[in-house]
Amino acid sequence: MISFDDRLPVVREGSKNDRVHFFKYMSEGTAKIVLKNRTLQWSTTSQLNDPFEMQFDLSLKADKALVKERVLEQLWALYSGGQPVRAANPMGVMFEYLRANVRGLSKDYLFREFGPAIDEGLAIIEAKANPNTAELTPMFSLVKILSLTIRPDIPLMWSHYANSHRGIVMRLRSIPGLDSPM
């Protein structure tokens, strides 16, 4: 019996894959072509059957006042809380410094000082969202995707991709040293 969750015993450093197998659902006709040509089809985003797949709209649709309020509350929790700050970015480093060296700031003071910076950041996101979306959309149209799954026993996948349960699912073995089709 095949275990769908087998992992590779040794994974190359930096590798993102530790699975022994992946699976590809397909119709019987597609399976014959794959086996004859020994190739798999890489699809462009326009060929994907999900109209929302690889579609990006970077515009800010959230309630900016609510975002600002929640960010300020999180900053206050970082400053006033007892948990260590994960200083993974300049903001984290600054709050770790503030908490250790600048004691006694009030919540109102912190909100007044950081509120305008949050407003400015949200305005920048809003101003750059549409140009960034317009620039990224043509790039994503060139991306090719090979859709695989880690489970061969998903009824919905059989229905959608294996010709309403009349097709096959092909098991593909992972090659431990490769993390890319190149």
Protein backbone atom coordinates (compact mmCIF):
# COMPACT_ATOMS: atom_id res chain seq x y z
CA MET A 1 0.00 0.00 0.00
CA ILE A 2 1.33 3.43 -0.95
CA SER A 3 1.54 6.02 1.77
CA PHE A 4 0.57 9.38 0.30
CA ASP A 5 2.53 11.21 2.95
CA ASP A 6 5.95 9.55 2.54
CA ARG A 7 8.80 11.99 2.98
CA LEU A 8 12.25 11.92 1.46
CA PRO A 9 14.86 10.57 3.90
CA VAL A 10 17.38 13.23 2.88
CA VAL A 11 16.49 16.69 1.66
CA ARG A 12 19.01 18.96 -0.01
CA GLU A 13 19.75 22.11 1.98
CA GLY A 14 17.48 24.92 0.84
CA SER A 15 15.06 22.54 -0.87
CA LYS A 16 11.38 23.35 -0.56
CA ASN A 17 10.23 19.80 -1.24
CA ASP A 18 10.41 16.79 1.03
CA ARG A 19 7.68 14.65 -0.57
CA VAL A 20 8.33 11.28 -2.23
CA HIS A 21 5.35 11.50 -4.58
CA PHE A 22 3.07 14.00 -6.26
CA PHE A 23 -0.06 13.18 -8.22
CA LYS A 24 -1.62 14.46 -11.43
CA TYR A 25 -5.30 13.93 -12.21
CA MET A 26 -6.15 13.64 -15.91
CA SER A 27 -8.54 12.16 -18.44
CA GLU A 28 -7.77 8.86 -20.14
CA GLY A 29 -7.00 10.66 -23.42
CA THR A 30 -4.59 13.06 -21.75
CA ALA A 31 -2.91 10.15 -19.93
CA LYS A 32 -2.28 8.40 -23.26
CA ILE A 33 -0.63 11.55 -24.65
CA VAL A 34 1.48 11.99 -21.49
CA LEU A 35 2.67 8.39 -21.59
CA LYS A 36 3.33 8.44 -25.36
CA ASN A 37 5.24 11.75 -25.34
CA ARG A 38 6.65 11.41 -21.82
CA THR A 39 5.74 15.03 -21.14
CA LEU A 40 3.37 16.95 -18.92
CA GLN A 41 1.56 20.13 -19.90
CA TRP A 42 2.57 23.36 -18.28
CA SER A 43 -0.32 25.82 -18.48
CA THR A 44 -0.25 29.57 -18.80
CA THR A 45 -2.57 31.52 -16.52
CA SER A 46 -5.05 32.04 -19.37
CA GLN A 47 -5.41 28.24 -19.70
CA LEU A 48 -6.33 27.69 -16.05
CA ASN A 49 -9.93 26.75 -15.45
CA ASP A 50 -10.31 28.85 -12.30
CA PRO A 51 -10.93 32.46 -13.34
CA PHE A 52 -9.50 33.70 -10.03
CA GLU A 53 -6.26 31.74 -10.23
CA MET A 54 -3.20 33.96 -10.63
CA GLN A 55 -5.38 37.08 -10.75
CA PHE A 56 -4.09 39.92 -8.61
CA ASP A 57 -5.76 43.12 -7.57
CA LEU A 58 -3.42 44.90 -5.19
CA SER A 59 -5.82 47.73 -4.43
CA LEU A 60 -6.60 48.49 -0.81
CA LYS A 61 -10.22 47.58 -0.20
CA ALA A 62 -10.05 47.42 3.59
CA ASP A 63 -11.51 50.04 5.92
CA LYS A 64 -8.40 52.20 6.41
CA ALA A 65 -9.62 53.56 9.76
CA LEU A 66 -10.06 50.02 11.05
CA VAL A 67 -6.64 48.97 9.72
CA LYS A 68 -5.05 51.97 11.42
CA GLU A 69 -6.83 51.22 14.70
CA ARG A 70 -5.73 47.57 14.69
CA VAL A 71 -2.13 48.40 13.78
CA LEU A 72 -1.93 50.98 16.57
CA GLU A 73 -3.37 48.47 19.04
CA GLN A 74 -0.75 45.93 17.97
CA LEU A 75 2.02 48.51 18.33
CA TRP A 76 0.74 49.35 21.80
CA ALA A 77 0.70 45.64 22.68
CA LEU A 78 4.31 45.36 21.49
CA TYR A 79 5.39 48.36 23.52
CA SER A 80 3.43 47.64 26.68
CA GLY A 81 3.42 43.82 26.65
CA GLY A 82 5.72 41.43 28.37
CA GLN A 83 6.44 39.24 25.36
CA PRO A 84 9.76 39.73 23.56
CA VAL A 85 9.52 41.67 20.32
CA ARG A 86 10.66 39.68 17.30
CA ALA A 87 13.00 42.27 15.83
CA ALA A 88 12.88 40.89 12.29
CA ASN A 89 12.54 44.28 10.63
CA PRO A 90 13.38 47.92 11.44
CA MET A 91 9.99 48.46 13.12
CA GLY A 92 10.59 45.48 15.41
CA VAL A 93 14.08 46.72 16.25
CA MET A 94 12.69 50.17 17.04
CA PHE A 95 9.94 48.82 19.31
CA GLU A 96 12.38 46.56 21.13
CA TYR A 97 14.56 49.64 21.70
CA LEU A 98 11.59 51.77 22.80
CA ARG A 99 10.36 49.17 25.23
CA ALA A 100 13.81 48.67 26.74
CA ASN A 101 14.93 52.32 26.83
CA VAL A 102 11.95 54.67 26.67
CA ARG A 103 9.62 53.77 29.47
CA GLY A 104 6.37 55.39 30.45
CA LEU A 105 4.93 56.35 27.06
CA SER A 106 1.15 56.63 27.20
CA LYS A 107 -1.11 54.87 24.77
CA ASP A 108 -2.46 58.25 23.58
CA TYR A 109 1.07 59.53 22.95
CA LEU A 110 2.05 56.42 21.00
CA PHE A 111 -1.14 56.67 18.89
CA ARG A 112 -0.52 60.38 18.16
CA GLU A 113 3.10 59.76 17.18
CA PHE A 114 2.57 56.66 15.01
CA GLY A 115 -0.91 57.37 13.61
CA PRO A 116 0.29 59.76 10.87
CA ALA A 117 2.95 57.25 9.72
CA ILE A 118 0.27 54.59 9.36
CA ASP A 119 -1.91 57.01 7.39
CA GLU A 120 1.06 57.78 5.15
CA GLY A 121 1.83 54.10 4.61
CA LEU A 122 -1.78 53.34 3.68
CA ALA A 123 -1.79 56.29 1.25
CA ILE A 124 1.38 54.96 -0.42
CA ILE A 125 -0.18 51.50 -0.77
CA GLU A 126 -3.29 53.04 -2.28
CA ALA A 127 -1.32 55.21 -4.71
CA LYS A 128 0.91 52.36 -5.94
CA ALA A 129 -1.64 49.54 -6.05
CA ASN A 130 -3.12 50.19 -9.49
CA PRO A 131 0.21 50.87 -11.26
CA ASN A 132 1.72 47.76 -9.64
CA THR A 133 -1.27 45.63 -10.66
CA ALA A 134 -1.04 46.96 -14.22
CA GLU A 135 2.67 46.12 -14.33
CA LEU A 136 2.36 42.64 -12.80
CA THR A 137 -0.64 41.40 -14.81
CA PRO A 138 1.23 40.98 -18.13
CA MET A 139 4.14 39.33 -16.30
CA PHE A 140 1.84 36.75 -14.70
CA SER A 141 0.32 35.95 -18.09
CA LEU A 142 3.73 34.51 -19.07
CA VAL A 143 4.04 32.29 -16.00
CA LYS A 144 3.59 28.57 -16.64
CA ILE A 145 2.26 26.24 -14.00
CA LEU A 146 2.30 22.48 -13.58
CA SER A 147 -0.59 21.59 -11.29
CA LEU A 148 0.14 18.64 -9.06
CA THR A 149 -1.35 17.52 -5.77
CA ILE A 150 -0.18 15.55 -2.76
CA ARG A 151 -3.33 13.38 -2.58
CA PRO A 152 -4.71 10.96 -5.20
CA ASP A 153 -7.99 10.34 -3.40
CA ILE A 154 -9.90 13.63 -3.51
CA PRO A 155 -13.39 13.10 -5.03
CA LEU A 156 -13.72 16.70 -6.23
CA MET A 157 -10.38 16.48 -8.04
CA TRP A 158 -11.49 13.21 -9.68
CA SER A 159 -14.67 14.92 -10.78
CA HIS A 160 -13.07 18.07 -12.16
CA TYR A 161 -9.78 16.86 -13.59
CA ALA A 162 -10.15 13.13 -14.22
CA ASN A 163 -13.14 13.24 -16.57
CA SER A 164 -15.86 12.80 -13.91
CA HIS A 165 -14.14 9.82 -12.24
CA ARG A 166 -13.45 8.08 -15.57
CA GLY A 167 -9.85 9.24 -15.93
CA ILE A 168 -6.73 8.42 -13.99
CA VAL A 169 -4.42 9.87 -11.41
CA MET A 170 -0.75 9.51 -12.22
CA ARG A 171 1.79 9.10 -9.44
CA LEU A 172 5.02 11.02 -10.03
CA ARG A 173 8.14 10.33 -8.02
CA SER A 174 10.01 13.29 -6.66
CA ILE A 175 13.71 13.54 -7.41
CA PRO A 176 15.44 14.50 -4.14
CA GLY A 177 18.16 16.63 -5.70
CA LEU A 178 15.85 18.74 -7.86
CA ASP A 179 13.65 21.54 -6.68
CA SER A 180 12.93 22.91 -10.13
CA PRO A 181 12.00 21.60 -13.55
CA MET A 182 15.04 23.34 -15.01
